[in-house]
Amino acid sequence: MAFNAKKATRELIWVKLALMAPSGGGKTYSSLRLATGMLESLKEKGLGQNGRILMVNSEQKRGYYYANEFEYDIIDLEVPYTPENYIEAIEWAVKEDYPILILDSTSHEWEGSGGCLELHQKAGGTFQAWSKITPRHNKFLAAIADSPIHIIATMRGKDQYSIEQGDKMSVKKLGVGAKQREGFEYEFTASFLMDQSTNTADVQKDNTHLFENLSSILFNEGHGKDVIEWANSGSGYTPPIRGRESIDDVKSTIIDLCKTLGGKDNADLMDALKEYDPSANPNRIKDLDKAIELRKKLQEMNADNNVEESE
């Protein structure tokens, strides 16, 4: 193998930030403060693209709590919280020219309805079953890491409690990591663990070196501006756009869903398949966008079935 060494130069970076917090830890509000400062700095540099922040909301109505304090657009991500639905939302944000995306929260992709843990159980719940789920989760990671957009991803914290002695005994909620796959937070440019009582953050990882000597950080717009200054301190490079998933991968997921939904014995399933191929054979679909559309429809059918079974 031939190698060609060259002088390393600083490149432009699409920043990926992770905020982990127990409930009430301030991750949504902090994300909006950071994103607002980031957008202001981008606009000053003429890099604001469509000039808006987009939030992908899976936290019910909490994504709307701060609409009177910040300017941002929002889309509601609904069940099932599959990796593919998150990927679709990221790709849509890029296509619509948003410079900054908030994913609030990514925990649903792992432990929510239709998320990876549930998908694993449906695949048999065995160690071997992870061979079907892990590649799907990894594609979600790749979408975050490689997409040409600044991303702030929140994660619910794994809650633990401590008893603190003082004039009065008190119980404090602690965040001790993220409700996501182990190591997920280390895929980001910088990741932070937030305190529920103070809404301040401590650094878990920081490639920017902006926060590594700080503790109990109360995020504000200035921190967002600093992040963009750091990200744009290089020149001449834009990270490559992640390639779209292959039609064979999409068809494979469709076939698995067909088996889960009962195959030919499910009349609704067969009607849905015939909308895309008269013979109801998903292998005959040639158009990737159509295949993705069918997959989403079948995922929604599967989620509806799960709701009915649980009632």
Protein backbone atom coordinates (compact mmCIF):
# COMPACT_ATOMS: atom_id res chain seq x y z
CA MET A 1 0.00 0.00 0.00
CA ALA A 2 1.34 3.43 -0.96
CA PHE A 3 1.04 6.34 1.46
CA ASN A 4 1.18 10.06 0.75
CA ALA A 5 1.96 12.28 3.74
CA LYS A 6 0.91 15.93 3.75
CA LYS A 7 0.98 18.81 6.20
CA ALA A 8 -2.04 18.72 8.51
CA THR A 9 -4.18 21.86 8.24
CA ARG A 10 -7.12 23.03 10.33
CA GLU A 11 -10.44 22.41 8.58
CA LEU A 12 -13.91 23.84 8.95
CA ILE A 13 -16.10 21.75 11.23
CA TRP A 14 -19.79 20.98 11.54
CA VAL A 15 -20.12 21.00 15.32
CA LYS A 16 -21.98 18.21 17.13
CA LEU A 17 -22.82 18.89 20.78
CA ALA A 18 -24.45 16.51 23.29
CA LEU A 19 -26.31 17.60 26.43
CA MET A 20 -27.27 14.93 28.98
CA ALA A 21 -29.51 15.74 31.91
CA PRO A 22 -32.02 14.16 34.28
CA SER A 23 -35.56 15.48 33.97
CA GLY A 24 -35.63 19.18 34.83
CA GLY A 25 -31.91 19.54 34.10
CA GLY A 26 -32.37 22.31 31.52
CA LYS A 27 -31.21 20.50 28.40
CA THR A 28 -33.90 21.93 26.08
CA TYR A 29 -33.51 25.51 27.29
CA SER A 30 -29.73 25.30 27.21
CA SER A 31 -29.85 23.89 23.69
CA LEU A 32 -31.90 26.84 22.52
CA ARG A 33 -29.53 29.35 24.13
CA LEU A 34 -26.53 27.69 22.51
CA ALA A 35 -28.26 27.42 19.13
CA THR A 36 -29.34 31.08 19.24
CA GLY A 37 -25.78 32.24 19.84
CA MET A 38 -24.46 29.90 17.16
CA LEU A 39 -26.95 31.28 14.63
CA GLU A 40 -26.08 34.89 15.47
CA SER A 41 -22.40 34.16 14.82
CA LEU A 42 -23.16 32.30 11.58
CA LYS A 43 -25.25 35.22 10.30
CA GLU A 44 -22.44 37.65 11.08
CA LYS A 45 -20.18 35.51 8.91
CA GLY A 46 -22.74 35.19 6.11
CA LEU A 47 -23.11 31.47 6.80
CA GLY A 48 -26.64 31.42 8.18
CA GLN A 49 -28.14 29.49 5.24
CA ASN A 50 -31.93 29.80 5.70
CA GLY A 51 -31.38 31.74 8.93
CA ARG A 52 -33.48 29.46 11.15
CA ILE A 53 -33.01 26.90 13.93
CA LEU A 54 -34.90 23.62 13.62
CA MET A 55 -35.90 21.48 16.59
CA VAL A 56 -36.88 17.84 16.06
CA ASN A 57 -39.12 17.27 19.06
CA SER A 58 -39.91 13.89 20.61
CA GLU A 59 -40.61 15.31 24.08
CA GLN A 60 -44.34 15.90 23.57
CA LYS A 61 -45.29 19.55 24.18
CA ARG A 62 -42.06 20.43 25.98
CA GLY A 63 -40.54 21.46 22.68
CA TYR A 64 -42.98 24.40 22.59
CA TYR A 65 -42.37 25.71 26.13
CA TYR A 66 -39.84 28.34 25.09
CA ALA A 67 -41.36 29.56 21.82
CA ASN A 68 -42.01 32.95 23.43
CA GLU A 69 -38.31 33.35 24.29
CA PHE A 70 -36.54 32.01 21.19
CA GLU A 71 -37.04 32.00 17.43
CA TYR A 72 -37.05 28.46 16.05
CA ASP A 73 -38.98 26.07 13.85
CA ILE A 74 -40.15 22.71 15.12
CA ILE A 75 -41.27 19.35 13.77
CA ASP A 76 -42.80 16.70 15.99
CA LEU A 77 -41.28 13.25 15.63
CA GLU A 78 -43.93 10.65 16.31
CA VAL A 79 -43.94 6.93 17.11
CA PRO A 80 -42.19 4.79 16.01
CA TYR A 81 -38.89 6.33 17.08
CA THR A 82 -36.84 4.20 14.72
CA PRO A 83 -33.30 5.14 13.72
CA GLU A 84 -34.59 5.60 10.17
CA ASN A 85 -37.15 8.23 11.22
CA TYR A 86 -34.44 10.23 12.97
CA ILE A 87 -32.21 9.91 9.91
CA GLU A 88 -35.07 11.11 7.69
CA ALA A 89 -35.53 14.17 9.92
CA ILE A 90 -31.80 15.01 9.75
CA GLU A 91 -31.76 14.65 5.97
CA TRP A 92 -34.86 16.85 5.68
CA ALA A 93 -33.20 19.56 7.79
CA VAL A 94 -30.15 19.51 5.52
CA LYS A 95 -32.32 19.61 2.39
CA GLU A 96 -34.27 22.59 3.75
CA ASP A 97 -31.00 24.44 4.36
CA TYR A 98 -31.18 24.75 8.15
CA PRO A 99 -27.77 25.63 9.62
CA ILE A 100 -28.54 24.33 13.13
CA LEU A 101 -30.57 21.32 14.25
CA ILE A 102 -31.62 20.43 17.80
CA LEU A 103 -32.54 16.76 18.36
CA ASP A 104 -34.62 16.75 21.54
CA SER A 105 -34.21 14.03 22.51
CA THR A 106 -32.17 11.19 21.04
CA SER A 107 -33.01 8.89 23.95
CA HIS A 108 -36.22 7.86 22.20
CA GLU A 109 -34.19 6.35 19.35
CA TRP A 110 -32.72 3.95 21.91
CA GLU A 111 -35.39 3.28 24.52
CA GLY A 112 -38.60 4.82 23.12
CA SER A 113 -41.52 3.12 21.38
CA GLY A 114 -40.11 1.67 18.17
CA GLY A 115 -36.56 2.44 19.31
CA CYS A 116 -33.60 0.09 19.26
CA LEU A 117 -34.31 -1.73 22.52
CA GLU A 118 -37.85 -2.54 21.41
CA LEU A 119 -36.65 -3.51 17.94
CA HIS A 120 -34.14 -5.86 19.57
CA GLN A 121 -36.87 -7.59 21.57
CA LYS A 122 -38.99 -8.01 18.45
CA ALA A 123 -35.98 -9.52 16.67
CA GLY A 124 -35.82 -12.23 19.34
CA GLY A 125 -34.10 -10.49 22.24
CA THR A 126 -30.95 -12.57 21.84
CA PHE A 127 -27.36 -11.45 21.57
CA GLN A 128 -27.43 -12.50 17.92
CA ALA A 129 -30.43 -10.24 17.32
CA TRP A 130 -28.18 -7.21 17.80
CA SER A 131 -26.64 -8.02 14.40
CA LYS A 132 -29.87 -6.67 12.87
CA ILE A 133 -30.27 -3.64 15.15
CA THR A 134 -26.71 -2.36 15.59
CA PRO A 135 -26.23 -1.47 11.89
CA ARG A 136 -29.43 0.59 12.00
CA HIS A 137 -28.25 2.44 15.12
CA ASN A 138 -24.83 2.99 13.58
CA LYS A 139 -26.43 4.64 10.54
CA PHE A 140 -28.15 7.06 12.92
CA LEU A 141 -24.76 7.85 14.47
CA ALA A 142 -23.30 8.37 11.01
CA ALA A 143 -26.13 10.73 10.09
CA ILE A 144 -25.33 12.89 13.11
CA ALA A 145 -21.58 12.79 12.63
CA ASP A 146 -21.36 13.26 8.86
CA SER A 147 -24.29 15.48 7.90
CA PRO A 148 -23.37 19.06 6.87
CA ILE A 149 -25.28 20.79 9.66
CA HIS A 150 -24.50 21.88 13.22
CA ILE A 151 -26.33 19.55 15.64
CA ILE A 152 -27.17 19.80 19.33
CA ALA A 153 -28.47 16.46 20.59
CA THR A 154 -30.06 16.06 24.00
CA MET A 155 -30.29 12.84 25.96
CA ARG A 156 -32.26 11.96 29.03
CA GLY A 157 -30.03 11.22 31.99
CA LYS A 158 -29.97 7.97 33.92
CA ASP A 159 -31.45 9.24 37.15
CA GLN A 160 -29.99 8.34 40.51
CA TYR A 161 -30.63 9.98 43.85
CA SER A 162 -28.39 10.98 46.74
CA ILE A 163 -29.34 12.03 50.26
CA GLU A 164 -27.59 15.23 51.36
CA GLN A 165 -27.23 16.16 55.01
CA GLY A 166 -27.41 19.75 56.19
CA ASP A 167 -29.75 21.82 58.29
CA LYS A 168 -32.38 19.71 56.60
CA MET A 169 -32.05 16.37 54.92
CA SER A 170 -32.64 16.67 51.17
CA VAL A 171 -32.79 14.31 48.23
CA LYS A 172 -30.89 15.33 45.10
CA LYS A 173 -31.47 13.89 41.63
CA LEU A 174 -28.23 13.01 39.87
CA GLY A 175 -27.53 12.41 36.21
CA VAL A 176 -25.02 9.58 35.84
CA GLY A 177 -24.93 9.15 32.09
CA ALA A 178 -27.30 9.05 29.15
CA LYS A 179 -30.27 6.92 28.26
CA GLN A 180 -28.63 5.87 25.04
CA ARG A 181 -26.28 3.13 23.93
CA GLU A 182 -23.11 3.10 26.03
CA GLY A 183 -20.50 5.41 24.55
CA PHE A 184 -23.00 7.32 22.39
CA GLU A 185 -22.02 10.67 23.90
CA TYR A 186 -18.37 10.26 22.89
CA GLU A 187 -19.28 10.46 19.20
CA PHE A 188 -19.74 14.23 19.58
CA THR A 189 -17.42 17.22 19.30
CA ALA A 190 -18.24 18.04 22.92
CA SER A 191 -20.56 16.45 25.45
CA PHE A 192 -21.84 17.71 28.77
CA LEU A 193 -23.60 16.29 31.82
CA MET A 194 -26.05 18.73 33.40
CA ASP A 195 -27.11 19.11 37.01
CA GLN A 196 -30.82 18.97 37.79
CA SER A 197 -30.78 21.44 40.67
CA THR A 198 -28.62 24.17 39.09
CA ASN A 199 -29.06 23.53 35.34
CA THR A 200 -25.29 23.88 35.01
CA ALA A 201 -23.06 21.58 32.97
CA ASP A 202 -19.80 19.75 33.48
CA VAL A 203 -17.65 18.61 30.57
CA GLN A 204 -17.53 14.92 29.66
CA LYS A 205 -15.56 15.44 26.45
CA ASP A 206 -14.36 18.61 24.71
CA ASN A 207 -12.50 18.65 21.41
CA THR A 208 -12.96 22.42 21.19
CA HIS A 209 -10.86 23.09 24.35
CA LEU A 210 -13.28 25.94 25.07
CA PHE A 211 -14.83 24.30 28.13
CA GLU A 212 -12.28 21.78 29.38
CA ASN A 213 -11.06 23.93 32.29
CA LEU A 214 -14.55 25.07 33.29
CA SER A 215 -17.06 23.56 35.69
CA SER A 216 -20.68 24.29 36.52
CA ILE A 217 -21.22 26.02 33.16
CA LEU A 218 -24.50 27.90 32.83
CA PHE A 219 -24.91 27.94 29.07
CA ASN A 220 -25.74 31.19 27.30
CA GLU A 221 -25.67 32.60 23.79
CA GLY A 222 -22.05 33.64 24.20
CA HIS A 223 -20.99 30.01 24.50
CA GLY A 224 -22.76 29.29 21.21
CA LYS A 225 -20.89 32.14 19.51
CA ASP A 226 -17.59 30.82 20.87
CA VAL A 227 -18.34 27.37 19.44
CA ILE A 228 -18.89 28.80 15.94
CA GLU A 229 -15.74 30.91 16.17
CA TRP A 230 -13.82 27.73 16.94
CA ALA A 231 -15.57 25.71 14.21
CA ASN A 232 -14.79 28.31 11.56
CA SER A 233 -11.18 28.92 12.52
CA GLY A 234 -9.99 26.64 9.71
CA SER A 235 -10.37 26.97 5.98
CA GLY A 236 -11.07 25.18 2.75
CA TYR A 237 -12.99 22.10 3.76
CA THR A 238 -16.53 20.95 4.19
CA PRO A 239 -17.07 17.42 5.60
CA PRO A 240 -18.44 14.99 3.01
CA ILE A 241 -22.17 14.46 2.87
CA ARG A 242 -23.06 11.00 4.10
CA GLY A 243 -24.24 8.77 1.31
CA ARG A 244 -27.91 7.80 1.26
CA GLU A 245 -28.83 4.36 2.51
CA SER A 246 -29.03 1.72 -0.18
CA ILE A 247 -32.32 0.47 -1.60
CA ASP A 248 -31.30 -3.09 -0.67
CA ASP A 249 -31.08 -2.09 3.02
CA VAL A 250 -34.49 -0.44 2.85
CA LYS A 251 -36.02 -3.49 1.14
CA SER A 252 -34.52 -5.75 3.81
CA THR A 253 -36.26 -3.72 6.52
CA ILE A 254 -39.53 -3.81 4.55
CA ILE A 255 -39.37 -7.60 4.29
CA ASP A 256 -38.73 -7.93 8.04
CA LEU A 257 -41.73 -5.68 8.71
CA CYS A 258 -43.89 -7.75 6.37
CA LYS A 259 -43.04 -10.87 8.38
CA THR A 260 -43.81 -9.08 11.65
CA LEU A 261 -47.15 -7.85 10.29
CA GLY A 262 -48.29 -11.33 9.25
CA GLY A 263 -47.40 -11.47 5.57
CA LYS A 264 -50.12 -12.52 3.11
CA ASP A 265 -52.62 -13.09 5.92
CA ASN A 266 -52.75 -9.34 6.61
CA ALA A 267 -55.11 -7.73 4.07
CA ASP A 268 -54.13 -4.18 5.06
CA LEU A 269 -50.49 -5.04 4.55
CA MET A 270 -51.14 -6.48 1.11
CA ASP A 271 -53.14 -3.39 0.10
CA ALA A 272 -50.24 -1.17 1.22
CA LEU A 273 -47.73 -3.22 -0.76
CA LYS A 274 -49.87 -3.10 -3.90
CA GLU A 275 -49.76 0.70 -3.83
CA TYR A 276 -46.05 0.37 -4.67
CA ASP A 277 -46.03 -2.83 -6.71
CA PRO A 278 -49.11 -4.48 -8.29
CA SER A 279 -47.86 -7.93 -7.31
CA ALA A 280 -47.27 -6.84 -3.69
CA ASN A 281 -43.60 -7.83 -4.01
CA PRO A 282 -41.33 -5.29 -2.30
CA ASN A 283 -38.29 -6.74 -4.05
CA ARG A 284 -39.60 -5.30 -7.32
CA ILE A 285 -39.53 -1.70 -6.09
CA LYS A 286 -36.74 0.16 -7.91
CA ASP A 287 -37.17 3.71 -6.62
CA LEU A 288 -35.37 4.44 -3.32
CA ASP A 289 -37.72 7.26 -2.31
CA LYS A 290 -40.74 5.02 -2.87
CA ALA A 291 -39.12 2.24 -0.86
CA ILE A 292 -38.43 4.65 2.03
CA GLU A 293 -42.03 5.87 1.86
CA LEU A 294 -43.33 2.28 2.02
CA ARG A 295 -41.02 1.43 4.91
CA LYS A 296 -42.33 4.38 6.89
CA LYS A 297 -45.94 3.35 6.20
CA LEU A 298 -45.27 -0.20 7.41
CA GLN A 299 -43.47 1.08 10.51
CA GLU A 300 -46.55 3.14 11.34
CA MET A 301 -48.78 0.08 10.82
CA ASN A 302 -46.56 -1.91 13.15
CA ALA A 303 -46.65 0.84 15.78
CA ASP A 304 -50.47 0.96 15.59
CA ASN A 305 -50.61 -2.81 16.10
CA ASN A 306 -48.38 -2.53 19.17
CA VAL A 307 -50.64 0.15 20.66
CA GLU A 308 -53.73 -2.04 20.12
CA GLU A 309 -52.04 -5.05 21.71
CA SER A 310 -51.09 -3.02 24.79
CA GLU A 311 -54.64 -1.74 25.35
